Amino acid sequence: MLKGWKTLAFNAALAVLGVLQAADWVDLLGSERAGIAVTVIGIIGAVLRFMTDTPAMKGKSA
């Protein structure tokens, strides 16, 4: 079940990173806000990792 999800996730992450890299975040948010935005995104990712207890793309087994 869900075989190949790692390849799909990797390719989706590359596509998203390409779009994010192309954006000029300093122009969009200002120099102070751009740094804060990246920090907040990192903190949210870490918090979400601690809140989950199952591997990616898998639900709890019944």
PDB file of N, CA and C in Angstrom:
ATOM      1  N   MET A   1       0.834  -1.175   0.000  1.00  0.00           N
ATOM      2  CA  MET A   1       0.000   0.000   0.000  1.00  0.00           C
ATOM      3  C   MET A   1       0.887   1.250   0.000  1.00  0.00           C
ATOM      4  N   LEU A   2       0.548   2.229  -0.809  1.00  0.00           N
ATOM      5  CA  LEU A   2       1.264   3.485  -0.929  1.00  0.00           C
ATOM      6  C   LEU A   2       2.715   3.322  -1.374  1.00  0.00           C
ATOM      7  N   LYS A   3       2.973   2.306  -2.165  1.00  0.00           N
ATOM      8  CA  LYS A   3       4.329   2.082  -2.658  1.00  0.00           C
ATOM      9  C   LYS A   3       4.733   3.236  -3.567  1.00  0.00           C
ATOM     10  N   GLY A   4       5.962   3.694  -3.424  1.00  0.00           N
ATOM     11  CA  GLY A   4       6.485   4.765  -4.243  1.00  0.00           C
ATOM     12  C   GLY A   4       6.224   6.161  -3.715  1.00  0.00           C
ATOM     13  N   TRP A   5       5.695   6.283  -2.518  1.00  0.00           N
ATOM     14  CA  TRP A   5       5.384   7.599  -1.978  1.00  0.00           C
ATOM     15  C   TRP A   5       6.642   8.427  -1.737  1.00  0.00           C
ATOM     16  N   LYS A   6       7.771   7.783  -1.452  1.00  0.00           N
ATOM     17  CA  LYS A   6       9.004   8.544  -1.208  1.00  0.00           C
ATOM     18  C   LYS A   6       9.462   9.257  -2.466  1.00  0.00           C
ATOM     19  N   THR A   7       9.381   8.593  -3.605  1.00  0.00           N
ATOM     20  CA  THR A   7       9.769   9.208  -4.871  1.00  0.00           C
ATOM     21  C   THR A   7       8.841  10.373  -5.196  1.00  0.00           C
ATOM     22  N   LEU A   8       7.552  10.179  -5.002  1.00  0.00           N
ATOM     23  CA  LEU A   8       6.587  11.240  -5.256  1.00  0.00           C
ATOM     24  C   LEU A   8       6.831  12.428  -4.323  1.00  0.00           C
ATOM     25  N   ALA A   9       7.059  12.176  -3.059  1.00  0.00           N
ATOM     26  CA  ALA A   9       7.306  13.244  -2.089  1.00  0.00           C
ATOM     27  C   ALA A   9       8.590  13.996  -2.424  1.00  0.00           C
ATOM     28  N   PHE A  10       9.628  13.275  -2.814  1.00  0.00           N
ATOM     29  CA  PHE A  10      10.899  13.898  -3.172  1.00  0.00           C
ATOM     30  C   PHE A  10      10.728  14.828  -4.367  1.00  0.00           C
ATOM     31  N   ASN A  11      10.054  14.357  -5.402  1.00  0.00           N
ATOM     32  CA  ASN A  11       9.845  15.173  -6.587  1.00  0.00           C
ATOM     33  C   ASN A  11       8.943  16.374  -6.306  1.00  0.00           C
ATOM     34  N   ALA A  12       7.931  16.192  -5.496  1.00  0.00           N
ATOM     35  CA  ALA A  12       7.067  17.317  -5.126  1.00  0.00           C
ATOM     36  C   ALA A  12       7.862  18.350  -4.330  1.00  0.00           C
ATOM     37  N   ALA A  13       8.725  17.894  -3.415  1.00  0.00           N
ATOM     38  CA  ALA A  13       9.545  18.808  -2.629  1.00  0.00           C
ATOM     39  C   ALA A  13      10.503  19.590  -3.523  1.00  0.00           C
ATOM     40  N   LEU A  14      11.082  18.935  -4.518  1.00  0.00           N
ATOM     41  CA  LEU A  14      11.963  19.635  -5.457  1.00  0.00           C
ATOM     42  C   LEU A  14      11.210  20.714  -6.234  1.00  0.00           C
ATOM     43  N   ALA A  15      10.004  20.397  -6.655  1.00  0.00           N
ATOM     44  CA  ALA A  15       9.204  21.373  -7.390  1.00  0.00           C
ATOM     45  C   ALA A  15       8.872  22.574  -6.508  1.00  0.00           C
ATOM     46  N   VAL A  16       8.483  22.316  -5.282  1.00  0.00           N
ATOM     47  CA  VAL A  16       8.161  23.404  -4.352  1.00  0.00           C
ATOM     48  C   VAL A  16       9.399  24.242  -4.055  1.00  0.00           C
ATOM     49  N   LEU A  17      10.530  23.587  -3.830  1.00  0.00           N
ATOM     50  CA  LEU A  17      11.763  24.329  -3.565  1.00  0.00           C
ATOM     51  C   LEU A  17      12.154  25.209  -4.746  1.00  0.00           C
ATOM     52  N   GLY A  18      11.938  24.727  -5.943  1.00  0.00           N
ATOM     53  CA  GLY A  18      12.227  25.530  -7.131  1.00  0.00           C
ATOM     54  C   GLY A  18      11.391  26.792  -7.180  1.00  0.00           C
ATOM     55  N   VAL A  19      10.117  26.664  -6.878  1.00  0.00           N
ATOM     56  CA  VAL A  19       9.231  27.830  -6.859  1.00  0.00           C
ATOM     57  C   VAL A  19       9.639  28.785  -5.739  1.00  0.00           C
ATOM     58  N   LEU A  20       9.906  28.242  -4.561  1.00  0.00           N
ATOM     59  CA  LEU A  20      10.289  29.092  -3.427  1.00  0.00           C
ATOM     60  C   LEU A  20      11.605  29.808  -3.683  1.00  0.00           C
ATOM     61  N   GLN A  21      12.535  29.132  -4.330  1.00  0.00           N
ATOM     62  CA  GLN A  21      13.821  29.744  -4.623  1.00  0.00           C
ATOM     63  C   GLN A  21      13.678  30.869  -5.643  1.00  0.00           C
ATOM     64  N   ALA A  22      12.755  30.735  -6.561  1.00  0.00           N
ATOM     65  CA  ALA A  22      12.569  31.740  -7.599  1.00  0.00           C
ATOM     66  C   ALA A  22      11.941  33.024  -7.051  1.00  0.00           C
ATOM     67  N   ALA A  23      11.238  32.926  -5.927  1.00  0.00           N
ATOM     68  CA  ALA A  23      10.591  34.100  -5.343  1.00  0.00           C
ATOM     69  C   ALA A  23      11.635  34.983  -4.661  1.00  0.00           C
ATOM     70  N   ASP A  24      11.466  36.271  -4.770  1.00  0.00           N
ATOM     71  CA  ASP A  24      12.339  37.221  -4.073  1.00  0.00           C
ATOM     72  C   ASP A  24      11.646  37.602  -2.765  1.00  0.00           C
ATOM     73  N   TRP A  25      11.933  36.841  -1.727  1.00  0.00           N
ATOM     74  CA  TRP A  25      11.239  36.989  -0.452  1.00  0.00           C
ATOM     75  C   TRP A  25      11.491  38.329   0.206  1.00  0.00           C
ATOM     76  N   VAL A  26      12.654  38.893   0.006  1.00  0.00           N
ATOM     77  CA  VAL A  26      12.948  40.198   0.604  1.00  0.00           C
ATOM     78  C   VAL A  26      12.066  41.269  -0.034  1.00  0.00           C
ATOM     79  N   ASP A  27      11.880  41.203  -1.352  1.00  0.00           N
ATOM     80  CA  ASP A  27      10.981  42.161  -2.004  1.00  0.00           C
ATOM     81  C   ASP A  27       9.528  41.935  -1.594  1.00  0.00           C
ATOM     82  N   LEU A  28       9.143  40.683  -1.449  1.00  0.00           N
ATOM     83  CA  LEU A  28       7.751  40.379  -1.106  1.00  0.00           C
ATOM     84  C   LEU A  28       7.402  40.746   0.333  1.00  0.00           C
ATOM     85  N   LEU A  29       8.299  40.456   1.262  1.00  0.00           N
ATOM     86  CA  LEU A  29       7.987  40.622   2.683  1.00  0.00           C
ATOM     87  C   LEU A  29       8.793  41.705   3.380  1.00  0.00           C
ATOM     88  N   GLY A  30       9.861  42.169   2.772  1.00  0.00           N
ATOM     89  CA  GLY A  30      10.764  43.090   3.452  1.00  0.00           C
ATOM     90  C   GLY A  30      11.850  42.284   4.144  1.00  0.00           C
ATOM     91  N   SER A  31      13.002  42.898   4.360  1.00  0.00           N
ATOM     92  CA  SER A  31      14.152  42.147   4.874  1.00  0.00           C
ATOM     93  C   SER A  31      13.918  41.583   6.278  1.00  0.00           C
ATOM     94  N   GLU A  32      13.254  42.326   7.150  1.00  0.00           N
ATOM     95  CA  GLU A  32      13.014  41.825   8.511  1.00  0.00           C
ATOM     96  C   GLU A  32      11.977  40.712   8.519  1.00  0.00           C
ATOM     97  N   ARG A  33      10.919  40.880   7.780  1.00  0.00           N
ATOM     98  CA  ARG A  33       9.851  39.876   7.760  1.00  0.00           C
ATOM     99  C   ARG A  33      10.260  38.591   7.065  1.00  0.00           C
ATOM    100  N   ALA A  34      11.126  38.668   6.071  1.00  0.00           N
ATOM    101  CA  ALA A  34      11.545  37.460   5.352  1.00  0.00           C
ATOM    102  C   ALA A  34      12.273  36.508   6.302  1.00  0.00           C
ATOM    103  N   GLY A  35      13.177  37.010   7.112  1.00  0.00           N
ATOM    104  CA  GLY A  35      13.886  36.173   8.081  1.00  0.00           C
ATOM    105  C   GLY A  35      12.953  35.579   9.117  1.00  0.00           C
ATOM    106  N   ILE A  36      12.014  36.387   9.582  1.00  0.00           N
ATOM    107  CA  ILE A  36      11.040  35.911  10.572  1.00  0.00           C
ATOM    108  C   ILE A  36      10.163  34.821   9.954  1.00  0.00           C
ATOM    109  N   ALA A  37       9.740  35.002   8.705  1.00  0.00           N
ATOM    110  CA  ALA A  37       8.881  34.014   8.039  1.00  0.00           C
ATOM    111  C   ALA A  37       9.584  32.672   7.922  1.00  0.00           C
ATOM    112  N   VAL A  38      10.850  32.668   7.523  1.00  0.00           N
ATOM    113  CA  VAL A  38      11.590  31.408   7.392  1.00  0.00           C
ATOM    114  C   VAL A  38      11.754  30.740   8.754  1.00  0.00           C
ATOM    115  N   THR A  39      12.021  31.520   9.785  1.00  0.00           N
ATOM    116  CA  THR A  39      12.160  30.974  11.137  1.00  0.00           C
ATOM    117  C   THR A  39      10.850  30.351  11.607  1.00  0.00           C
ATOM    118  N   VAL A  40       9.748  31.040  11.391  1.00  0.00           N
ATOM    119  CA  VAL A  40       8.434  30.527  11.806  1.00  0.00           C
ATOM    120  C   VAL A  40       8.099  29.230  11.064  1.00  0.00           C
ATOM    121  N   ILE A  41       8.393  29.170   9.779  1.00  0.00           N
ATOM    122  CA  ILE A  41       8.135  27.943   9.014  1.00  0.00           C
ATOM    123  C   ILE A  41       8.939  26.780   9.578  1.00  0.00           C
ATOM    124  N   GLY A  42      10.196  27.012   9.925  1.00  0.00           N
ATOM    125  CA  GLY A  42      11.021  25.962  10.526  1.00  0.00           C
ATOM    126  C   GLY A  42      10.481  25.500  11.866  1.00  0.00           C
ATOM    127  N   ILE A  43      10.047  26.433  12.695  1.00  0.00           N
ATOM    128  CA  ILE A  43       9.490  26.086  14.009  1.00  0.00           C
ATOM    129  C   ILE A  43       8.202  25.289  13.851  1.00  0.00           C
ATOM    130  N   ILE A  44       7.348  25.695  12.939  1.00  0.00           N
ATOM    131  CA  ILE A  44       6.089  24.970  12.707  1.00  0.00           C
ATOM    132  C   ILE A  44       6.377  23.546  12.247  1.00  0.00           C
ATOM    133  N   GLY A  45       7.340  23.379  11.347  1.00  0.00           N
ATOM    134  CA  GLY A  45       7.706  22.033  10.892  1.00  0.00           C
ATOM    135  C   GLY A  45       8.194  21.157  12.024  1.00  0.00           C
ATOM    136  N   ALA A  46       9.014  21.721  12.917  1.00  0.00           N
ATOM    137  CA  ALA A  46       9.520  20.952  14.056  1.00  0.00           C
ATOM    138  C   ALA A  46       8.396  20.583  15.014  1.00  0.00           C
ATOM    139  N   VAL A  47       7.509  21.513  15.289  1.00  0.00           N
ATOM    140  CA  VAL A  47       6.380  21.242  16.190  1.00  0.00           C
ATOM    141  C   VAL A  47       5.481  20.160  15.608  1.00  0.00           C
ATOM    142  N   LEU A  48       5.189  20.249  14.317  1.00  0.00           N
ATOM    143  CA  LEU A  48       4.349  19.225  13.697  1.00  0.00           C
ATOM    144  C   LEU A  48       4.999  17.848  13.765  1.00  0.00           C
ATOM    145  N   ARG A  49       6.316  17.778  13.626  1.00  0.00           N
ATOM    146  CA  ARG A  49       7.007  16.484  13.704  1.00  0.00           C
ATOM    147  C   ARG A  49       6.840  15.871  15.091  1.00  0.00           C
ATOM    148  N   PHE A  50       6.899  16.687  16.121  1.00  0.00           N
ATOM    149  CA  PHE A  50       6.729  16.172  17.479  1.00  0.00           C
ATOM    150  C   PHE A  50       5.285  15.786  17.779  1.00  0.00           C
ATOM    151  N   MET A  51       4.341  16.362  17.068  1.00  0.00           N
ATOM    152  CA  MET A  51       2.926  16.070  17.306  1.00  0.00           C
ATOM    153  C   MET A  51       2.477  14.787  16.614  1.00  0.00           C
ATOM    154  N   THR A  52       3.229  14.303  15.643  1.00  0.00           N
ATOM    155  CA  THR A  52       2.819  13.112  14.914  1.00  0.00           C
ATOM    156  C   THR A  52       3.461  11.864  15.507  1.00  0.00           C
ATOM    157  N   ASP A  53       2.786  10.745  15.354  1.00  0.00           N
ATOM    158  CA  ASP A  53       3.324   9.499  15.896  1.00  0.00           C
ATOM    159  C   ASP A  53       3.274   8.362  14.871  1.00  0.00           C
ATOM    160  N   THR A  54       2.986   8.704  13.632  1.00  0.00           N
ATOM    161  CA  THR A  54       2.972   7.688  12.577  1.00  0.00           C
ATOM    162  C   THR A  54       3.896   8.120  11.455  1.00  0.00           C
ATOM    163  N   PRO A  55       4.415   7.184  10.688  1.00  0.00           N
ATOM    164  CA  PRO A  55       5.248   7.533   9.540  1.00  0.00           C
ATOM    165  C   PRO A  55       4.441   8.311   8.496  1.00  0.00           C
ATOM    166  N   ALA A  56       5.124   9.000   7.628  1.00  0.00           N
ATOM    167  CA  ALA A  56       4.463   9.761   6.567  1.00  0.00           C
ATOM    168  C   ALA A  56       3.614   8.844   5.698  1.00  0.00           C
ATOM    169  N   MET A  57       2.454   9.341   5.311  1.00  0.00           N
ATOM    170  CA  MET A  57       1.537   8.667   4.382  1.00  0.00           C
ATOM    171  C   MET A  57       0.930   7.380   4.930  1.00  0.00           C
ATOM    172  N   LYS A  58       0.994   7.160   6.222  1.00  0.00           N
ATOM    173  CA  LYS A  58       0.383   5.958   6.798  1.00  0.00           C
ATOM    174  C   LYS A  58      -0.504   6.357   7.953  1.00  0.00           C
ATOM    175  N   GLY A  59      -1.673   5.766   8.011  1.00  0.00           N
ATOM    176  CA  GLY A  59      -2.557   5.990   9.142  1.00  0.00           C
ATOM    177  C   GLY A  59      -2.310   4.953  10.212  1.00  0.00           C
ATOM    178  N   LYS A  60      -3.040   5.069  11.287  1.00  0.00           N
ATOM    179  CA  LYS A  60      -2.918   4.082  12.361  1.00  0.00           C
ATOM    180  C   LYS A  60      -3.563   2.774  11.936  1.00  0.00           C
ATOM    181  N   SER A  61      -2.930   1.692  12.263  1.00  0.00           N
ATOM    182  CA  SER A  61      -3.462   0.372  11.916  1.00  0.00           C
ATOM    183  C   SER A  61      -4.603   0.015  12.854  1.00  0.00           C
ATOM    184  N   ALA A  62      -5.593  -0.630  12.320  1.00  0.00           N
ATOM    185  CA  ALA A  62      -6.755  -1.019  13.132  1.00  0.00           C
ATOM    186  C   ALA A  62      -6.578  -2.401  13.676  1.00  0.00           C
TER     187      ALA A  62
END
